[in-house]
């Protein structure tokens, strides 16, 4: 799938919108950034917000956010984002993005991976 510069900007904007919604505990806005499949999985915005707050504190309340270059992982358009968790641990969030029939982008999942310390 060809991803344009505008797609990159839109993907970043969707993730930034969801992160901002989490900061405000705005469950409906955060939920709206998710794909229909994710929405169906969690049934409602409150369930979704509860899951993120409990299982993904680095996404729910990051101390800092740094967007890396969009990549493809197993045919999924993926936006890596470096996060500093509330406890100060750096993590990389891999946001799996999905283009919708209306050409909008939504988040179709996120996994957190550790950031290995680089030594010289």
PDB file of N, CA and C in Angstrom:
ATOM      1  N   UNK A   1       0.841  -1.182   0.000  1.00  0.00           N
ATOM      2  CA  UNK A   1       0.000   0.000   0.000  1.00  0.00           C
ATOM      3  C   UNK A   1       0.886   1.246   0.000  1.00  0.00           C
ATOM      4  N   UNK A   2       0.569   2.160  -0.876  1.00  0.00           N
ATOM      5  CA  UNK A   2       1.312   3.408  -0.968  1.00  0.00           C
ATOM      6  C   UNK A   2       0.805   4.389   0.085  1.00  0.00           C
ATOM      7  N   UNK A   3       1.723   4.892   0.892  1.00  0.00           N
ATOM      8  CA  UNK A   3       1.367   5.852   1.937  1.00  0.00           C
ATOM      9  C   UNK A   3       1.978   7.194   1.551  1.00  0.00           C
ATOM     10  N   UNK A   4       1.130   8.196   1.449  1.00  0.00           N
ATOM     11  CA  UNK A   4       1.568   9.521   1.015  1.00  0.00           C
ATOM     12  C   UNK A   4       2.026  10.367   2.202  1.00  0.00           C
ATOM     13  N   UNK A   5       2.656  11.497   1.890  1.00  0.00           N
ATOM     14  CA  UNK A   5       3.050  12.433   2.941  1.00  0.00           C
ATOM     15  C   UNK A   5       1.826  12.898   3.727  1.00  0.00           C
ATOM     16  N   UNK A   6       0.700  13.099   3.027  1.00  0.00           N
ATOM     17  CA  UNK A   6      -0.527  13.500   3.720  1.00  0.00           C
ATOM     18  C   UNK A   6      -1.001  12.402   4.664  1.00  0.00           C
ATOM     19  N   UNK A   7      -0.865  11.139   4.237  1.00  0.00           N
ATOM     20  CA  UNK A   7      -1.212  10.016   5.114  1.00  0.00           C
ATOM     21  C   UNK A   7      -0.372  10.051   6.387  1.00  0.00           C
ATOM     22  N   UNK A   8       0.945  10.310   6.245  1.00  0.00           N
ATOM     23  CA  UNK A   8       1.819  10.378   7.421  1.00  0.00           C
ATOM     24  C   UNK A   8       1.327  11.436   8.397  1.00  0.00           C
ATOM     25  N   UNK A   9       0.963  12.600   7.866  1.00  0.00           N
ATOM     26  CA  UNK A   9       0.469  13.683   8.724  1.00  0.00           C
ATOM     27  C   UNK A   9      -0.842  13.304   9.397  1.00  0.00           C
ATOM     28  N   UNK A  10      -1.710  12.664   8.647  1.00  0.00           N
ATOM     29  CA  UNK A  10      -3.008  12.264   9.185  1.00  0.00           C
ATOM     30  C   UNK A  10      -2.851  11.201  10.261  1.00  0.00           C
ATOM     31  N   UNK A  11      -1.983  10.220  10.022  1.00  0.00           N
ATOM     32  CA  UNK A  11      -1.733   9.171  11.010  1.00  0.00           C
ATOM     33  C   UNK A  11      -1.248   9.788  12.315  1.00  0.00           C
ATOM     34  N   UNK A  12      -0.287  10.687  12.212  1.00  0.00           N
ATOM     35  CA  UNK A  12       0.230  11.345  13.416  1.00  0.00           C
ATOM     36  C   UNK A  12      -0.876  12.119  14.124  1.00  0.00           C
ATOM     37  N   UNK A  13      -1.690  12.803  13.371  1.00  0.00           N
ATOM     38  CA  UNK A  13      -2.778  13.598  13.944  1.00  0.00           C
ATOM     39  C   UNK A  13      -3.784  12.727  14.696  1.00  0.00           C
ATOM     40  N   UNK A  14      -4.108  11.569  14.140  1.00  0.00           N
ATOM     41  CA  UNK A  14      -5.049  10.648  14.795  1.00  0.00           C
ATOM     42  C   UNK A  14      -4.489  10.191  16.139  1.00  0.00           C
ATOM     43  N   UNK A  15      -3.212   9.815  16.151  1.00  0.00           N
ATOM     44  CA  UNK A  15      -2.589   9.344  17.391  1.00  0.00           C
ATOM     45  C   UNK A  15      -2.502  10.483  18.398  1.00  0.00           C
ATOM     46  N   UNK A  16      -2.096  11.660  17.944  1.00  0.00           N
ATOM     47  CA  UNK A  16      -2.036  12.818  18.845  1.00  0.00           C
ATOM     48  C   UNK A  16      -3.409  13.140  19.427  1.00  0.00           C
ATOM     49  N   UNK A  17      -4.448  13.016  18.609  1.00  0.00           N
ATOM     50  CA  UNK A  17      -5.814  13.269  19.088  1.00  0.00           C
ATOM     51  C   UNK A  17      -6.208  12.272  20.162  1.00  0.00           C
ATOM     52  N   UNK A  18      -5.851  10.999  19.946  1.00  0.00           N
ATOM     53  CA  UNK A  18      -6.202   9.999  20.947  1.00  0.00           C
ATOM     54  C   UNK A  18      -5.414  10.223  22.239  1.00  0.00           C
ATOM     55  N   UNK A  19      -4.132  10.529  22.130  1.00  0.00           N
ATOM     56  CA  UNK A  19      -3.341  10.797  23.331  1.00  0.00           C
ATOM     57  C   UNK A  19      -3.894  11.994  24.101  1.00  0.00           C
ATOM     58  N   UNK A  20      -4.306  13.039  23.378  1.00  0.00           N
ATOM     59  CA  UNK A  20      -4.893  14.219  24.025  1.00  0.00           C
ATOM     60  C   UNK A  20      -6.211  13.863  24.700  1.00  0.00           C
ATOM     61  N   UNK A  21      -6.999  13.004  24.060  1.00  0.00           N
ATOM     62  CA  UNK A  21      -8.272  12.575  24.656  1.00  0.00           C
ATOM     63  C   UNK A  21      -8.023  11.794  25.945  1.00  0.00           C
ATOM     64  N   UNK A  22      -7.001  10.927  25.950  1.00  0.00           N
ATOM     65  CA  UNK A  22      -6.670  10.190  27.177  1.00  0.00           C
ATOM     66  C   UNK A  22      -6.299  11.160  28.296  1.00  0.00           C
ATOM     67  N   UNK A  23      -5.533  12.196  27.982  1.00  0.00           N
ATOM     68  CA  UNK A  23      -5.127  13.182  28.991  1.00  0.00           C
ATOM     69  C   UNK A  23      -6.334  13.844  29.654  1.00  0.00           C
ATOM     70  N   UNK A  24      -7.407  13.993  28.890  1.00  0.00           N
ATOM     71  CA  UNK A  24      -8.627  14.643  29.387  1.00  0.00           C
ATOM     72  C   UNK A  24      -9.665  13.631  29.890  1.00  0.00           C
ATOM     73  N   UNK A  25      -9.319  12.343  29.884  1.00  0.00           N
ATOM     74  CA  UNK A  25     -10.291  11.277  30.195  1.00  0.00           C
ATOM     75  C   UNK A  25     -11.548  11.404  29.329  1.00  0.00           C
ATOM     76  N   UNK A  26     -11.337  11.794  28.077  1.00  0.00           N
ATOM     77  CA  UNK A  26     -12.422  11.949  27.098  1.00  0.00           C
ATOM     78  C   UNK A  26     -12.579  10.629  26.354  1.00  0.00           C
ATOM     79  N   UNK A  27     -13.300   9.712  26.979  1.00  0.00           N
ATOM     80  CA  UNK A  27     -13.459   8.367  26.430  1.00  0.00           C
ATOM     81  C   UNK A  27     -14.067   8.366  25.023  1.00  0.00           C
ATOM     82  N   UNK A  28     -15.149   9.129  24.757  1.00  0.00           N
ATOM     83  CA  UNK A  28     -15.726   9.085  23.405  1.00  0.00           C
ATOM     84  C   UNK A  28     -14.747   9.531  22.311  1.00  0.00           C
ATOM     85  N   UNK A  29     -13.963  10.563  22.569  1.00  0.00           N
ATOM     86  CA  UNK A  29     -13.008  11.028  21.555  1.00  0.00           C
ATOM     87  C   UNK A  29     -11.885  10.022  21.342  1.00  0.00           C
ATOM     88  N   UNK A  30     -11.385   9.434  22.418  1.00  0.00           N
ATOM     89  CA  UNK A  30     -10.335   8.419  22.298  1.00  0.00           C
ATOM     90  C   UNK A  30     -10.852   7.202  21.535  1.00  0.00           C
ATOM     91  N   UNK A  31     -12.064   6.786  21.848  1.00  0.00           N
ATOM     92  CA  UNK A  31     -12.699   5.622  21.218  1.00  0.00           C
ATOM     93  C   UNK A  31     -12.926   5.869  19.730  1.00  0.00           C
ATOM     94  N   UNK A  32     -13.229   7.099  19.359  1.00  0.00           N
ATOM     95  CA  UNK A  32     -13.503   7.449  17.963  1.00  0.00           C
ATOM     96  C   UNK A  32     -12.269   7.289  17.081  1.00  0.00           C
ATOM     97  N   UNK A  33     -11.083   7.277  17.668  1.00  0.00           N
ATOM     98  CA  UNK A  33      -9.837   7.112  16.909  1.00  0.00           C
ATOM     99  C   UNK A  33      -9.558   5.646  16.580  1.00  0.00           C
ATOM    100  N   UNK A  34     -10.296   4.747  17.180  1.00  0.00           N
ATOM    101  CA  UNK A  34     -10.094   3.309  16.982  1.00  0.00           C
ATOM    102  C   UNK A  34     -10.920   2.801  15.804  1.00  0.00           C
ATOM    103  N   UNK A  35     -10.436   1.730  15.191  1.00  0.00           N
ATOM    104  CA  UNK A  35     -11.156   1.117  14.075  1.00  0.00           C
ATOM    105  C   UNK A  35     -12.470   0.506  14.564  1.00  0.00           C
ATOM    106  N   UNK A  36     -13.400   0.279  13.633  1.00  0.00           N
ATOM    107  CA  UNK A  36     -14.645  -0.405  14.009  1.00  0.00           C
ATOM    108  C   UNK A  36     -14.396  -1.750  14.696  1.00  0.00           C
ATOM    109  N   UNK A  37     -13.369  -2.484  14.281  1.00  0.00           N
ATOM    110  CA  UNK A  37     -13.086  -3.785  14.905  1.00  0.00           C
ATOM    111  C   UNK A  37     -12.701  -3.616  16.371  1.00  0.00           C
ATOM    112  N   UNK A  38     -11.895  -2.615  16.677  1.00  0.00           N
ATOM    113  CA  UNK A  38     -11.514  -2.349  18.072  1.00  0.00           C
ATOM    114  C   UNK A  38     -12.744  -1.885  18.853  1.00  0.00           C
ATOM    115  N   UNK A  39     -13.545  -1.026  18.241  1.00  0.00           N
ATOM    116  CA  UNK A  39     -14.753  -0.550  18.914  1.00  0.00           C
ATOM    117  C   UNK A  39     -15.693  -1.703  19.229  1.00  0.00           C
ATOM    118  N   UNK A  40     -15.813  -2.630  18.300  1.00  0.00           N
ATOM    119  CA  UNK A  40     -16.679  -3.799  18.532  1.00  0.00           C
ATOM    120  C   UNK A  40     -16.126  -4.663  19.660  1.00  0.00           C
ATOM    121  N   UNK A  41     -14.806  -4.787  19.711  1.00  0.00           N
ATOM    122  CA  UNK A  41     -14.167  -5.611  20.747  1.00  0.00           C
ATOM    123  C   UNK A  41     -14.469  -5.064  22.143  1.00  0.00           C
ATOM    124  N   UNK A  42     -14.455  -3.733  22.297  1.00  0.00           N
ATOM    125  CA  UNK A  42     -14.633  -3.138  23.626  1.00  0.00           C
ATOM    126  C   UNK A  42     -16.060  -2.674  23.907  1.00  0.00           C
ATOM    127  N   UNK A  43     -16.918  -2.683  22.910  1.00  0.00           N
ATOM    128  CA  UNK A  43     -18.343  -2.396  23.049  1.00  0.00           C
ATOM    129  C   UNK A  43     -18.680  -0.931  23.300  1.00  0.00           C
ATOM    130  N   UNK A  44     -17.919  -0.248  24.174  1.00  0.00           N
ATOM    131  CA  UNK A  44     -18.216   1.160  24.439  1.00  0.00           C
ATOM    132  C   UNK A  44     -16.952   1.903  24.872  1.00  0.00           C
ATOM    133  N   UNK A  45     -17.056   3.212  24.853  1.00  0.00           N
ATOM    134  CA  UNK A  45     -15.903   4.070  25.122  1.00  0.00           C
ATOM    135  C   UNK A  45     -15.374   3.903  26.547  1.00  0.00           C
ATOM    136  N   UNK A  46     -16.270   3.705  27.494  1.00  0.00           N
ATOM    137  CA  UNK A  46     -15.846   3.581  28.889  1.00  0.00           C
ATOM    138  C   UNK A  46     -15.016   2.309  29.103  1.00  0.00           C
ATOM    139  N   UNK A  47     -15.428   1.197  28.494  1.00  0.00           N
ATOM    140  CA  UNK A  47     -14.645  -0.043  28.595  1.00  0.00           C
ATOM    141  C   UNK A  47     -13.262   0.152  27.986  1.00  0.00           C
ATOM    142  N   UNK A  48     -13.218   0.846  26.852  1.00  0.00           N
ATOM    143  CA  UNK A  48     -11.956   1.093  26.166  1.00  0.00           C
ATOM    144  C   UNK A  48     -11.023   1.943  27.035  1.00  0.00           C
ATOM    145  N   UNK A  49     -11.545   3.035  27.589  1.00  0.00           N
ATOM    146  CA  UNK A  49     -10.733   3.916  28.427  1.00  0.00           C
ATOM    147  C   UNK A  49     -10.232   3.174  29.667  1.00  0.00           C
ATOM    148  N   UNK A  50     -11.067   2.356  30.272  1.00  0.00           N
ATOM    149  CA  UNK A  50     -10.684   1.596  31.455  1.00  0.00           C
ATOM    150  C   UNK A  50      -9.537   0.642  31.119  1.00  0.00           C
ATOM    151  N   UNK A  51      -9.643  -0.048  29.982  1.00  0.00           N
ATOM    152  CA  UNK A  51      -8.590  -0.983  29.572  1.00  0.00           C
ATOM    153  C   UNK A  51      -7.273  -0.239  29.361  1.00  0.00           C
ATOM    154  N   UNK A  52      -7.307   0.893  28.648  1.00  0.00           N
ATOM    155  CA  UNK A  52      -6.069   1.630  28.373  1.00  0.00           C
ATOM    156  C   UNK A  52      -5.455   2.148  29.673  1.00  0.00           C
ATOM    157  N   UNK A  53      -6.281   2.701  30.551  1.00  0.00           N
ATOM    158  CA  UNK A  53      -5.748   3.268  31.797  1.00  0.00           C
ATOM    159  C   UNK A  53      -5.105   2.196  32.676  1.00  0.00           C
ATOM    160  N   UNK A  54      -5.651   0.980  32.648  1.00  0.00           N
ATOM    161  CA  UNK A  54      -5.125  -0.088  33.491  1.00  0.00           C
ATOM    162  C   UNK A  54      -3.955  -0.836  32.846  1.00  0.00           C
ATOM    163  N   UNK A  55      -4.027  -1.079  31.537  1.00  0.00           N
ATOM    164  CA  UNK A  55      -3.048  -1.934  30.867  1.00  0.00           C
ATOM    165  C   UNK A  55      -1.955  -1.176  30.116  1.00  0.00           C
ATOM    166  N   UNK A  56      -2.212   0.094  29.798  1.00  0.00           N
ATOM    167  CA  UNK A  56      -1.272   0.883  29.003  1.00  0.00           C
ATOM    168  C   UNK A  56      -1.033   2.256  29.641  1.00  0.00           C
ATOM    169  N   UNK A  57      -0.502   2.304  30.863  1.00  0.00           N
ATOM    170  CA  UNK A  57      -0.294   3.613  31.500  1.00  0.00           C
ATOM    171  C   UNK A  57       0.627   4.536  30.705  1.00  0.00           C
ATOM    172  N   UNK A  58       1.565   3.960  29.959  1.00  0.00           N
ATOM    173  CA  UNK A  58       2.469   4.797  29.157  1.00  0.00           C
ATOM    174  C   UNK A  58       1.720   5.508  28.032  1.00  0.00           C
ATOM    175  N   UNK A  59       0.670   4.896  27.532  1.00  0.00           N
ATOM    176  CA  UNK A  59      -0.164   5.510  26.494  1.00  0.00           C
ATOM    177  C   UNK A  59      -1.187   6.442  27.131  1.00  0.00           C
ATOM    178  N   UNK A  60      -1.719   6.024  28.257  1.00  0.00           N
ATOM    179  CA  UNK A  60      -2.758   6.795  28.945  1.00  0.00           C
ATOM    180  C   UNK A  60      -2.232   8.117  29.499  1.00  0.00           C
ATOM    181  N   UNK A  61      -1.040   8.095  30.088  1.00  0.00           N
ATOM    182  CA  UNK A  61      -0.465   9.300  30.703  1.00  0.00           C
ATOM    183  C   UNK A  61       1.045   9.396  30.444  1.00  0.00           C
ATOM    184  N   UNK A  62       1.451   9.518  29.165  1.00  0.00           N
ATOM    185  CA  UNK A  62       2.887   9.595  28.897  1.00  0.00           C
ATOM    186  C   UNK A  62       3.486  10.897  29.423  1.00  0.00           C
ATOM    187  N   UNK A  63       4.736  10.793  29.871  1.00  0.00           N
ATOM    188  CA  UNK A  63       5.451  12.002  30.303  1.00  0.00           C
ATOM    189  C   UNK A  63       6.038  12.729  29.104  1.00  0.00           C
ATOM    190  N   UNK A  64       6.355  11.981  28.043  1.00  0.00           N
ATOM    191  CA  UNK A  64       6.813  12.594  26.800  1.00  0.00           C
ATOM    192  C   UNK A  64       6.468  11.678  25.633  1.00  0.00           C
ATOM    193  N   UNK A  65       6.417  12.280  24.442  1.00  0.00           N
ATOM    194  CA  UNK A  65       6.002  11.573  23.233  1.00  0.00           C
ATOM    195  C   UNK A  65       6.925  12.008  22.094  1.00  0.00           C
ATOM    196  N   UNK A  66       7.461  11.033  21.343  1.00  0.00           N
ATOM    197  CA  UNK A  66       8.310  11.343  20.202  1.00  0.00           C
ATOM    198  C   UNK A  66       7.937  10.406  19.046  1.00  0.00           C
ATOM    199  N   UNK A  67       7.491  10.980  17.942  1.00  0.00           N
ATOM    200  CA  UNK A  67       7.086  10.190  16.779  1.00  0.00           C
ATOM    201  C   UNK A  67       8.302   9.817  15.940  1.00  0.00           C
ATOM    202  N   UNK A  68       8.385   8.534  15.592  1.00  0.00           N
ATOM    203  CA  UNK A  68       9.435   8.043  14.712  1.00  0.00           C
ATOM    204  C   UNK A  68       8.867   7.904  13.295  1.00  0.00           C
ATOM    205  N   UNK A  69       9.665   7.349  12.400  1.00  0.00           N
ATOM    206  CA  UNK A  69       9.252   7.192  11.002  1.00  0.00           C
ATOM    207  C   UNK A  69       8.234   6.054  10.861  1.00  0.00           C
ATOM    208  N   UNK A  70       7.160   6.324  10.128  1.00  0.00           N
ATOM    209  CA  UNK A  70       6.165   5.288   9.838  1.00  0.00           C
ATOM    210  C   UNK A  70       6.848   4.162   9.071  1.00  0.00           C
ATOM    211  N   UNK A  71       6.466   2.931   9.405  1.00  0.00           N
ATOM    212  CA  UNK A  71       7.054   1.753   8.773  1.00  0.00           C
ATOM    213  C   UNK A  71       5.951   0.733   8.484  1.00  0.00           C
ATOM    214  N   UNK A  72       6.326  -0.382   7.922  1.00  0.00           N
ATOM    215  CA  UNK A  72       5.385  -1.476   7.686  1.00  0.00           C
ATOM    216  C   UNK A  72       5.892  -2.702   8.443  1.00  0.00           C
ATOM    217  N   UNK A  73       5.033  -3.283   9.261  1.00  0.00           N
ATOM    218  CA  UNK A  73       5.358  -4.494  10.003  1.00  0.00           C
ATOM    219  C   UNK A  73       4.298  -5.533   9.668  1.00  0.00           C
ATOM    220  N   UNK A  74       4.708  -6.622   9.047  1.00  0.00           N
ATOM    221  CA  UNK A  74       3.797  -7.697   8.632  1.00  0.00           C
ATOM    222  C   UNK A  74       2.598  -7.131   7.877  1.00  0.00           C
ATOM    223  N   UNK A  75       2.881  -6.315   6.877  1.00  0.00           N
ATOM    224  CA  UNK A  75       1.869  -5.701   6.008  1.00  0.00           C
ATOM    225  C   UNK A  75       0.960  -4.711   6.721  1.00  0.00           C
ATOM    226  N   UNK A  76       1.304  -4.321   7.941  1.00  0.00           N
ATOM    227  CA  UNK A  76       0.526  -3.308   8.667  1.00  0.00           C
ATOM    228  C   UNK A  76       1.282  -1.985   8.650  1.00  0.00           C
ATOM    229  N   UNK A  77       0.604  -0.915   8.246  1.00  0.00           N
ATOM    230  CA  UNK A  77       1.182   0.417   8.357  1.00  0.00           C
ATOM    231  C   UNK A  77       1.302   0.707   9.851  1.00  0.00           C
ATOM    232  N   UNK A  78       2.523   0.980  10.305  1.00  0.00           N
ATOM    233  CA  UNK A  78       2.797   1.080  11.740  1.00  0.00           C
ATOM    234  C   UNK A  78       3.511   2.385  12.057  1.00  0.00           C
ATOM    235  N   UNK A  79       2.979   3.093  13.067  1.00  0.00           N
ATOM    236  CA  UNK A  79       3.588   4.334  13.547  1.00  0.00           C
ATOM    237  C   UNK A  79       4.273   4.043  14.877  1.00  0.00           C
ATOM    238  N   UNK A  80       5.619   3.972  14.907  1.00  0.00           N
ATOM    239  CA  UNK A  80       6.314   3.827  16.179  1.00  0.00           C
ATOM    240  C   UNK A  80       6.356   5.184  16.904  1.00  0.00           C
ATOM    241  N   UNK A  81       6.081   5.146  18.197  1.00  0.00           N
ATOM    242  CA  UNK A  81       6.103   6.355  19.016  1.00  0.00           C
ATOM    243  C   UNK A  81       6.879   6.037  20.294  1.00  0.00           C
ATOM    244  N   UNK A  82       7.928   6.805  20.544  1.00  0.00           N
ATOM    245  CA  UNK A  82       8.655   6.648  21.800  1.00  0.00           C
ATOM    246  C   UNK A  82       7.893   7.373  22.897  1.00  0.00           C
ATOM    247  N   UNK A  83       7.634   6.667  23.986  1.00  0.00           N
ATOM    248  CA  UNK A  83       6.903   7.231  25.116  1.00  0.00           C
ATOM    249  C   UNK A  83       7.751   7.112  26.375  1.00  0.00           C
ATOM    250  N   UNK A  84       7.615   8.081  27.236  1.00  0.00           N
ATOM    251  CA  UNK A  84       8.189   7.982  28.567  1.00  0.00           C
ATOM    252  C   UNK A  84       7.015   7.710  29.501  1.00  0.00           C
ATOM    253  N   UNK A  85       7.010   6.516  30.074  1.00  0.00           N
ATOM    254  CA  UNK A  85       5.904   6.112  30.947  1.00  0.00           C
ATOM    255  C   UNK A  85       5.866   6.981  32.201  1.00  0.00           C
ATOM    256  N   UNK A  86       4.737   6.980  32.911  1.00  0.00           N
ATOM    257  CA  UNK A  86       4.630   7.760  34.143  1.00  0.00           C
ATOM    258  C   UNK A  86       5.727   7.446  35.159  1.00  0.00           C
ATOM    259  N   UNK A  87       6.225   6.196  35.142  1.00  0.00           N
ATOM    260  CA  UNK A  87       7.281   5.802  36.080  1.00  0.00           C
ATOM    261  C   UNK A  87       8.684   6.089  35.551  1.00  0.00           C
ATOM    262  N   UNK A  88       8.767   6.761  34.381  1.00  0.00           N
ATOM    263  CA  UNK A  88      10.057   7.138  33.827  1.00  0.00           C
ATOM    264  C   UNK A  88      10.701   6.104  32.918  1.00  0.00           C
ATOM    265  N   UNK A  89      10.027   4.990  32.661  1.00  0.00           N
ATOM    266  CA  UNK A  89      10.570   3.941  31.800  1.00  0.00           C
ATOM    267  C   UNK A  89      10.265   4.282  30.340  1.00  0.00           C
ATOM    268  N   UNK A  90      11.289   4.295  29.470  1.00  0.00           N
ATOM    269  CA  UNK A  90      11.025   4.537  28.050  1.00  0.00           C
ATOM    270  C   UNK A  90      10.454   3.289  27.383  1.00  0.00           C
ATOM    271  N   UNK A  91       9.445   3.482  26.567  1.00  0.00           N
ATOM    272  CA  UNK A  91       8.812   2.392  25.824  1.00  0.00           C
ATOM    273  C   UNK A  91       8.554   2.855  24.402  1.00  0.00           C
ATOM    274  N   UNK A  92       8.458   1.899  23.507  1.00  0.00           N
ATOM    275  CA  UNK A  92       8.079   2.204  22.132  1.00  0.00           C
ATOM    276  C   UNK A  92       6.681   1.630  21.916  1.00  0.00           C
ATOM    277  N   UNK A  93       5.759   2.500  21.566  1.00  0.00           N
ATOM    278  CA  UNK A  93       4.412   2.064  21.210  1.00  0.00           C
ATOM    279  C   UNK A  93       4.364   1.881  19.701  1.00  0.00           C
ATOM    280  N   UNK A  94       3.919   0.716  19.274  1.00  0.00           N
ATOM    281  CA  UNK A  94       3.742   0.450  17.852  1.00  0.00           C
ATOM    282  C   UNK A  94       2.247   0.527  17.560  1.00  0.00           C
ATOM    283  N   UNK A  95       1.846   1.587  16.884  1.00  0.00           N
ATOM    284  CA  UNK A  95       0.445   1.805  16.531  1.00  0.00           C
ATOM    285  C   UNK A  95       0.186   1.208  15.158  1.00  0.00           C
ATOM    286  N   UNK A  96      -0.707   0.228  15.104  1.00  0.00           N
ATOM    287  CA  UNK A  96      -1.099  -0.383  13.836  1.00  0.00           C
ATOM    288  C   UNK A  96      -2.262   0.431  13.276  1.00  0.00           C
ATOM    289  N   UNK A  97      -2.041   1.005  12.106  1.00  0.00           N
ATOM    290  CA  UNK A  97      -3.004   1.917  11.516  1.00  0.00           C
ATOM    291  C   UNK A  97      -3.753   1.231  10.375  1.00  0.00           C
ATOM    292  N   UNK A  98      -5.000   1.646  10.189  1.00  0.00           N
ATOM    293  CA  UNK A  98      -5.819   1.059   9.129  1.00  0.00           C
ATOM    294  C   UNK A  98      -6.582   2.168   8.413  1.00  0.00           C
ATOM    295  N   UNK A  99      -6.438   2.179   7.089  1.00  0.00           N
ATOM    296  CA  UNK A  99      -7.160   3.161   6.286  1.00  0.00           C
ATOM    297  C   UNK A  99      -8.602   2.675   6.117  1.00  0.00           C
ATOM    298  N   UNK A 100      -9.545   3.572   6.372  1.00  0.00           N
ATOM    299  CA  UNK A 100     -10.958   3.236   6.314  1.00  0.00           C
ATOM    300  C   UNK A 100     -11.505   3.467   4.901  1.00  0.00           C
ATOM    301  N   UNK A 101     -12.680   2.915   4.601  1.00  0.00           N
ATOM    302  CA  UNK A 101     -13.266   3.100   3.266  1.00  0.00           C
ATOM    303  C   UNK A 101     -13.439   4.580   2.869  1.00  0.00           C
ATOM    304  N   UNK A 102     -13.603   5.459   3.869  1.00  0.00           N
ATOM    305  CA  UNK A 102     -13.745   6.889   3.573  1.00  0.00           C
ATOM    306  C   UNK A 102     -12.393   7.600   3.475  1.00  0.00           C
ATOM    307  N   UNK A 103     -11.300   6.824   3.428  1.00  0.00           N
ATOM    308  CA  UNK A 103      -9.919   7.317   3.337  1.00  0.00           C
ATOM    309  C   UNK A 103      -9.391   7.940   4.621  1.00  0.00           C
ATOM    310  N   UNK A 104     -10.141   7.867   5.709  1.00  0.00           N
ATOM    311  CA  UNK A 104      -9.613   8.318   6.998  1.00  0.00           C
ATOM    312  C   UNK A 104      -8.731   7.203   7.564  1.00  0.00           C
ATOM    313  N   UNK A 105      -7.919   7.545   8.552  1.00  0.00           N
ATOM    314  CA  UNK A 105      -7.072   6.565   9.229  1.00  0.00           C
ATOM    315  C   UNK A 105      -7.561   6.391  10.655  1.00  0.00           C
ATOM    316  N   UNK A 106      -7.510   5.144  11.125  1.00  0.00           N
ATOM    317  CA  UNK A 106      -7.852   4.845  12.511  1.00  0.00           C
ATOM    318  C   UNK A 106      -6.833   3.875  13.086  1.00  0.00           C
ATOM    319  N   UNK A 107      -6.790   3.835  14.410  1.00  0.00           N
ATOM    320  CA  UNK A 107      -5.858   2.965  15.122  1.00  0.00           C
ATOM    321  C   UNK A 107      -6.474   1.579  15.262  1.00  0.00           C
ATOM    322  N   UNK A 108      -5.741   0.560  14.795  1.00  0.00           N
ATOM    323  CA  UNK A 108      -6.243  -0.812  14.834  1.00  0.00           C
ATOM    324  C   UNK A 108      -5.451  -1.665  15.822  1.00  0.00           C
ATOM    325  N   UNK A 109      -4.937  -1.018  16.851  1.00  0.00           N
ATOM    326  CA  UNK A 109      -4.201  -1.744  17.880  1.00  0.00           C
ATOM    327  C   UNK A 109      -2.885  -1.060  18.186  1.00  0.00           C
ATOM    328  N   UNK A 110      -2.369  -1.383  19.351  1.00  0.00           N
ATOM    329  CA  UNK A 110      -1.108  -0.801  19.809  1.00  0.00           C
ATOM    330  C   UNK A 110      -0.442  -1.810  20.725  1.00  0.00           C
ATOM    331  N   UNK A 111       0.839  -2.024  20.496  1.00  0.00           N
ATOM    332  CA  UNK A 111       1.606  -2.855  21.427  1.00  0.00           C
ATOM    333  C   UNK A 111       2.777  -2.029  21.944  1.00  0.00           C
ATOM    334  N   UNK A 112       3.192  -2.332  23.140  1.00  0.00           N
ATOM    335  CA  UNK A 112       4.332  -1.658  23.745  1.00  0.00           C
ATOM    336  C   UNK A 112       5.514  -2.613  23.769  1.00  0.00           C
ATOM    337  N   UNK A 113       6.665  -2.106  23.369  1.00  0.00           N
ATOM    338  CA  UNK A 113       7.892  -2.894  23.424  1.00  0.00           C
ATOM    339  C   UNK A 113       8.936  -2.113  24.186  1.00  0.00           C
ATOM    340  N   UNK A 114       9.827  -2.836  24.833  1.00  0.00           N
ATOM    341  CA  UNK A 114      10.858  -2.151  25.626  1.00  0.00           C
ATOM    342  C   UNK A 114      11.860  -1.481  24.698  1.00  0.00           C
ATOM    343  N   UNK A 115      12.437  -0.430  25.199  1.00  0.00           N
ATOM    344  CA  UNK A 115      13.505   0.261  24.472  1.00  0.00           C
ATOM    345  C   UNK A 115      14.809  -0.169  25.141  1.00  0.00           C
ATOM    346  N   UNK A 116      15.608  -0.912  24.417  1.00  0.00           N
ATOM    347  CA  UNK A 116      16.866  -1.403  24.959  1.00  0.00           C
ATOM    348  C   UNK A 116      17.857  -0.257  25.081  1.00  0.00           C
ATOM    349  N   UNK A 117      18.544  -0.206  26.186  1.00  0.00           N
ATOM    350  CA  UNK A 117      19.571   0.829  26.398  1.00  0.00           C
ATOM    351  C   UNK A 117      20.717   0.600  25.423  1.00  0.00           C
ATOM    352  N   UNK A 118      21.145   1.665  24.803  1.00  0.00           N
ATOM    353  CA  UNK A 118      22.278   1.576  23.885  1.00  0.00           C
ATOM    354  C   UNK A 118      23.563   1.810  24.659  1.00  0.00           C
ATOM    355  N   UNK A 119      24.517   0.932  24.426  1.00  0.00           N
ATOM    356  CA  UNK A 119      25.811   1.093  25.085  1.00  0.00           C
ATOM    357  C   UNK A 119      26.878   1.257  24.008  1.00  0.00           C
ATOM    358  N   UNK A 120      27.908   1.987  24.353  1.00  0.00           N
ATOM    359  CA  UNK A 120      28.978   2.266  23.394  1.00  0.00           C
ATOM    360  C   UNK A 120      30.276   1.612  23.843  1.00  0.00           C
TER     361      UNK A 120
END
